[in-house]
């Protein structure tokens, strides 16, 4: 499951691609690694009908039967939108697109661990070496509940993104799924505006040549450990 991705782009580029007229997210760092239960930028349709850039917390509400303990750390990846829990979120009012320039999948090789932390190292994927902007097809919602026990209940705006079967590049590294990737303005517009019967067709693997590996475990830096998150295969 994809539980780490990077954004190295400008807010102007995000707004231009998505035709967003409003920006309420604040400043975007020049390069930002996003982990589960951290805030990240999305583009969504605001209640007033305007397209806007906003900063939400990564991890959609988890199906109740899968929540363990008193906190819901969130579901980052959504595989089966036909599952009853997710059906409430597939309308255009809950769809968003998530800007990305590269994303990570843990190495499947048991020995690919950081010797100091024991954390599994990652493969990083992008469209090309220069890591241009693209988007994940996402969902978002407002939610009340507990994300961290120590913080207690609160009001949140949450997002997650769709996954699908992996293509030939991803499958040897993560055999179960890959993110739903939107590579053109037309695809992002369809995801944000089309009826679900049309938008759902975008939940398909990217062509085998659409991505490349831009970093392998032997060449990458270390990353800090973050709060646990769940990936939904429901």
Protein backbone atom coordinates (compact mmCIF):
# COMPACT_ATOMS: atom_id res chain seq x y z
CA UNK A 1 0.00 0.00 0.00
CA UNK A 2 1.18 3.52 -0.68
CA UNK A 3 1.73 5.19 2.69
CA UNK A 4 4.35 7.76 1.67
CA UNK A 5 4.50 10.21 -1.19
CA UNK A 6 6.30 13.45 -2.05
CA UNK A 7 5.25 16.79 -3.52
CA UNK A 8 7.96 18.92 -5.10
CA UNK A 9 6.08 21.54 -7.06
CA UNK A 10 4.48 24.97 -6.69
CA UNK A 11 0.99 26.01 -5.68
CA UNK A 12 0.76 27.92 -8.95
CA UNK A 13 1.33 24.67 -10.88
CA UNK A 14 -1.38 22.90 -8.87
CA UNK A 15 -3.86 25.74 -9.39
CA UNK A 16 -3.10 26.03 -13.10
CA UNK A 17 -3.50 22.30 -13.73
CA UNK A 18 -6.80 22.00 -11.85
CA UNK A 19 -8.19 25.47 -12.65
CA UNK A 20 -8.60 26.09 -8.92
CA UNK A 21 -9.86 29.61 -8.18
CA UNK A 22 -9.49 29.48 -4.38
CA UNK A 23 -6.51 28.54 -2.22
CA UNK A 24 -7.04 28.08 1.53
CA UNK A 25 -4.14 25.74 2.32
CA UNK A 26 -1.45 28.28 3.27
CA UNK A 27 2.10 27.96 1.98
CA UNK A 28 3.33 24.76 0.34
CA UNK A 29 6.86 23.71 1.27
CA UNK A 30 9.30 23.37 -1.68
CA UNK A 31 9.53 19.61 -1.06
CA UNK A 32 7.17 17.77 1.26
CA UNK A 33 7.00 14.10 2.28
CA UNK A 34 3.44 13.12 3.26
CA UNK A 35 2.85 10.26 5.69
CA UNK A 36 -0.45 8.87 7.06
CA UNK A 37 -2.28 11.08 9.53
CA UNK A 38 -0.37 14.13 8.30
CA UNK A 39 -1.85 17.14 6.46
CA UNK A 40 -1.49 17.27 2.70
CA UNK A 41 -2.87 19.42 -0.12
CA UNK A 42 -5.87 18.37 -2.20
CA UNK A 43 -8.02 20.08 -4.82
CA UNK A 44 -11.78 19.76 -4.34
CA UNK A 45 -15.09 21.33 -5.28
CA UNK A 46 -16.00 23.77 -2.49
CA UNK A 47 -19.62 24.09 -1.26
CA UNK A 48 -19.93 27.44 -3.09
CA UNK A 49 -19.13 25.72 -6.38
CA UNK A 50 -15.59 27.06 -6.67
CA UNK A 51 -12.61 24.78 -7.22
CA UNK A 52 -10.21 25.15 -4.28
CA UNK A 53 -6.87 24.00 -2.95
CA UNK A 54 -7.06 22.97 0.72
CA UNK A 55 -4.95 21.12 3.29
CA UNK A 56 -6.61 18.03 4.80
CA UNK A 57 -5.48 15.15 6.99
CA UNK A 58 -4.46 11.96 5.17
CA UNK A 59 -6.65 9.03 6.20
CA UNK A 60 -10.38 8.61 5.55
CA UNK A 61 -12.73 7.29 8.28
CA UNK A 62 -12.15 3.57 8.68
CA UNK A 63 -15.09 1.13 8.51
CA UNK A 64 -16.30 0.67 12.09
CA UNK A 65 -15.65 -3.07 12.11
CA UNK A 66 -11.96 -2.45 11.35
CA UNK A 67 -11.23 0.20 13.98
CA UNK A 68 -9.04 -1.20 16.76
CA UNK A 69 -8.90 0.64 20.06
CA UNK A 70 -10.18 4.12 20.82
CA UNK A 71 -8.60 5.97 17.89
CA UNK A 72 -9.19 5.80 14.16
CA UNK A 73 -5.83 6.53 12.54
CA UNK A 74 -7.51 6.59 9.15
CA UNK A 75 -7.65 4.55 5.96
CA UNK A 76 -5.18 5.91 3.45
CA UNK A 77 -5.91 3.72 0.41
CA UNK A 78 -9.38 2.75 -0.85
CA UNK A 79 -9.63 -0.28 -3.15
CA UNK A 80 -13.34 -1.17 -3.35
CA UNK A 81 -15.62 1.89 -3.68
CA UNK A 82 -18.63 -0.41 -4.15
CA UNK A 83 -18.29 -1.45 -0.49
CA UNK A 84 -21.12 0.12 1.50
CA UNK A 85 -18.88 2.21 3.75
CA UNK A 86 -17.39 4.05 0.77
CA UNK A 87 -20.55 4.53 -1.29
CA UNK A 88 -21.45 7.71 0.62
CA UNK A 89 -18.23 9.32 -0.61
CA UNK A 90 -18.25 8.68 -4.37
CA UNK A 91 -20.33 11.74 -5.37
CA UNK A 92 -18.58 14.82 -6.77
CA UNK A 93 -19.04 16.66 -3.46
CA UNK A 94 -16.63 14.15 -1.86
CA UNK A 95 -14.15 13.68 -4.69
CA UNK A 96 -10.77 15.38 -4.77
CA UNK A 97 -7.45 15.08 -6.56
CA UNK A 98 -4.17 14.77 -4.66
CA UNK A 99 -1.03 16.42 -6.13
CA UNK A 100 2.01 14.14 -6.27
CA UNK A 101 5.45 14.14 -7.87
CA UNK A 102 6.66 10.74 -6.58
CA UNK A 103 5.42 7.94 -4.32
CA UNK A 104 6.99 5.11 -2.38
CA UNK A 105 6.36 1.40 -1.91
CA UNK A 106 8.30 -0.67 0.66
CA UNK A 107 10.83 -3.10 -0.72
CA UNK A 108 9.55 -6.70 -0.70
CA UNK A 109 13.06 -7.95 0.10
CA UNK A 110 13.29 -8.78 3.84
CA UNK A 111 16.90 -7.59 4.05
CA UNK A 112 16.17 -4.10 2.70
CA UNK A 113 16.00 -2.47 6.13
CA UNK A 114 17.68 0.58 7.54
CA UNK A 115 20.32 -0.87 9.90
CA UNK A 116 19.72 1.81 12.54
CA UNK A 117 15.91 1.98 12.62
CA UNK A 118 14.92 -1.41 11.24
CA UNK A 119 12.41 0.31 8.94
CA UNK A 120 11.94 -1.27 5.52
CA UNK A 121 13.46 0.85 2.76
CA UNK A 122 11.43 2.05 -0.21
CA UNK A 123 11.27 2.09 -3.96
CA UNK A 124 10.22 5.50 -5.33
CA UNK A 125 8.14 5.94 -8.48
CA UNK A 126 7.53 8.98 -10.71
CA UNK A 127 6.47 9.69 -14.27
CA UNK A 128 10.06 10.46 -15.33
CA UNK A 129 13.38 11.31 -13.64
CA UNK A 130 12.46 15.01 -13.40
CA UNK A 131 9.40 14.08 -11.29
CA UNK A 132 6.73 16.28 -12.86
CA UNK A 133 3.33 16.87 -11.28
CA UNK A 134 0.50 14.35 -11.52
CA UNK A 135 -2.46 13.48 -9.27
CA UNK A 136 -4.03 10.64 -7.35
CA UNK A 137 -7.81 10.18 -7.61
CA UNK A 138 -9.03 10.90 -4.10
CA UNK A 139 -12.03 11.15 -1.78
CA UNK A 140 -12.52 13.52 1.15
CA UNK A 141 -14.99 14.19 3.96
CA UNK A 142 -15.58 16.11 7.17
CA UNK A 143 -15.44 13.88 10.27
CA UNK A 144 -15.72 14.03 14.04
CA UNK A 145 -13.83 11.55 16.17
CA UNK A 146 -10.50 10.56 17.72
CA UNK A 147 -7.38 10.42 15.55
CA UNK A 148 -4.91 10.24 18.44
CA UNK A 149 -5.96 9.12 21.92
CA UNK A 150 -3.79 11.75 23.61
CA UNK A 151 -5.57 14.54 21.67
CA UNK A 152 -9.14 13.37 22.31
CA UNK A 153 -12.05 13.92 19.91
CA UNK A 154 -12.00 16.68 17.32
CA UNK A 155 -13.36 17.96 14.03
CA UNK A 156 -11.36 17.03 10.94
CA UNK A 157 -11.32 17.21 7.16
CA UNK A 158 -9.90 13.95 5.86
CA UNK A 159 -8.82 12.49 2.51
CA UNK A 160 -7.62 9.25 1.01
CA UNK A 161 -7.02 8.02 -2.51
CA UNK A 162 -8.14 5.19 -4.70
CA UNK A 163 -6.05 2.14 -5.54
CA UNK A 164 -6.40 -0.52 -8.20
CA UNK A 165 -4.60 -3.58 -9.50
CA UNK A 166 -0.85 -2.99 -10.03
CA UNK A 167 0.74 -2.67 -13.44
CA UNK A 168 3.80 -4.64 -14.53
CA UNK A 169 6.24 -2.15 -13.00
CA UNK A 170 4.61 -2.02 -9.56
CA UNK A 171 3.56 -5.66 -9.18
CA UNK A 172 7.00 -7.15 -8.37
CA UNK A 173 7.31 -4.62 -5.52
CA UNK A 174 3.70 -4.43 -4.33
CA UNK A 175 1.63 -7.24 -5.77
CA UNK A 176 -1.78 -6.19 -4.41
CA UNK A 177 -2.39 -2.61 -5.54
CA UNK A 178 -1.15 0.71 -6.89
CA UNK A 179 -2.62 4.23 -6.63
CA UNK A 180 -5.09 5.43 -9.28
CA UNK A 181 -3.02 7.92 -11.26
CA UNK A 182 -4.39 10.88 -13.22
CA UNK A 183 -1.84 12.14 -15.76
CA UNK A 184 -3.82 14.70 -17.77
CA UNK A 185 -6.03 17.72 -17.09
CA UNK A 186 -8.87 15.89 -18.80
CA UNK A 187 -8.61 12.99 -16.35
CA UNK A 188 -8.55 15.27 -13.30
CA UNK A 189 -11.55 17.18 -14.65
CA UNK A 190 -13.46 13.94 -15.20
CA UNK A 191 -12.72 12.78 -11.66
CA UNK A 192 -13.90 16.08 -10.18
CA UNK A 193 -17.02 16.62 -12.28
CA UNK A 194 -18.32 13.50 -14.02
CA UNK A 195 -21.13 11.23 -12.77
CA UNK A 196 -19.82 8.25 -10.83
CA UNK A 197 -20.75 5.91 -13.67
CA UNK A 198 -18.13 7.72 -15.79
CA UNK A 199 -15.57 8.68 -13.14
CA UNK A 200 -15.27 5.12 -11.83
CA UNK A 201 -13.70 4.07 -15.16
CA UNK A 202 -10.56 5.93 -14.10
CA UNK A 203 -9.96 3.30 -11.42
CA UNK A 204 -7.57 1.29 -13.56
CA UNK A 205 -3.88 0.53 -13.57
CA UNK A 206 -1.62 3.07 -15.22
CA UNK A 207 -0.01 1.80 -18.44
CA UNK A 208 3.13 -0.22 -17.80
CA UNK A 209 5.32 2.53 -19.29
CA UNK A 210 3.60 5.43 -17.48
CA UNK A 211 5.95 5.30 -14.47
CA UNK A 212 9.58 4.60 -13.74
CA UNK A 213 11.61 3.74 -10.66
CA UNK A 214 13.54 6.87 -9.68
CA UNK A 215 15.07 5.60 -6.41
CA UNK A 216 15.92 2.13 -5.16
CA UNK A 217 16.57 1.05 -1.55
CA UNK A 218 20.35 1.16 -1.91
CA UNK A 219 20.35 4.84 -2.91
CA UNK A 220 17.77 6.49 -0.67
CA UNK A 221 17.82 8.40 2.58
CA UNK A 222 16.22 7.42 5.89
CA UNK A 223 12.70 8.46 6.82
CA UNK A 224 11.23 8.92 10.33
CA UNK A 225 8.68 6.46 11.65
CA UNK A 226 5.08 7.74 11.72
CA UNK A 227 1.76 6.81 13.32
CA UNK A 228 0.16 3.57 12.09
CA UNK A 229 -2.48 3.65 9.37
CA UNK A 230 -4.75 1.17 7.67
CA UNK A 231 -5.19 0.37 4.01
CA UNK A 232 -8.64 -0.80 3.00
CA UNK A 233 -9.10 -3.75 0.70
CA UNK A 234 -12.85 -3.75 1.42
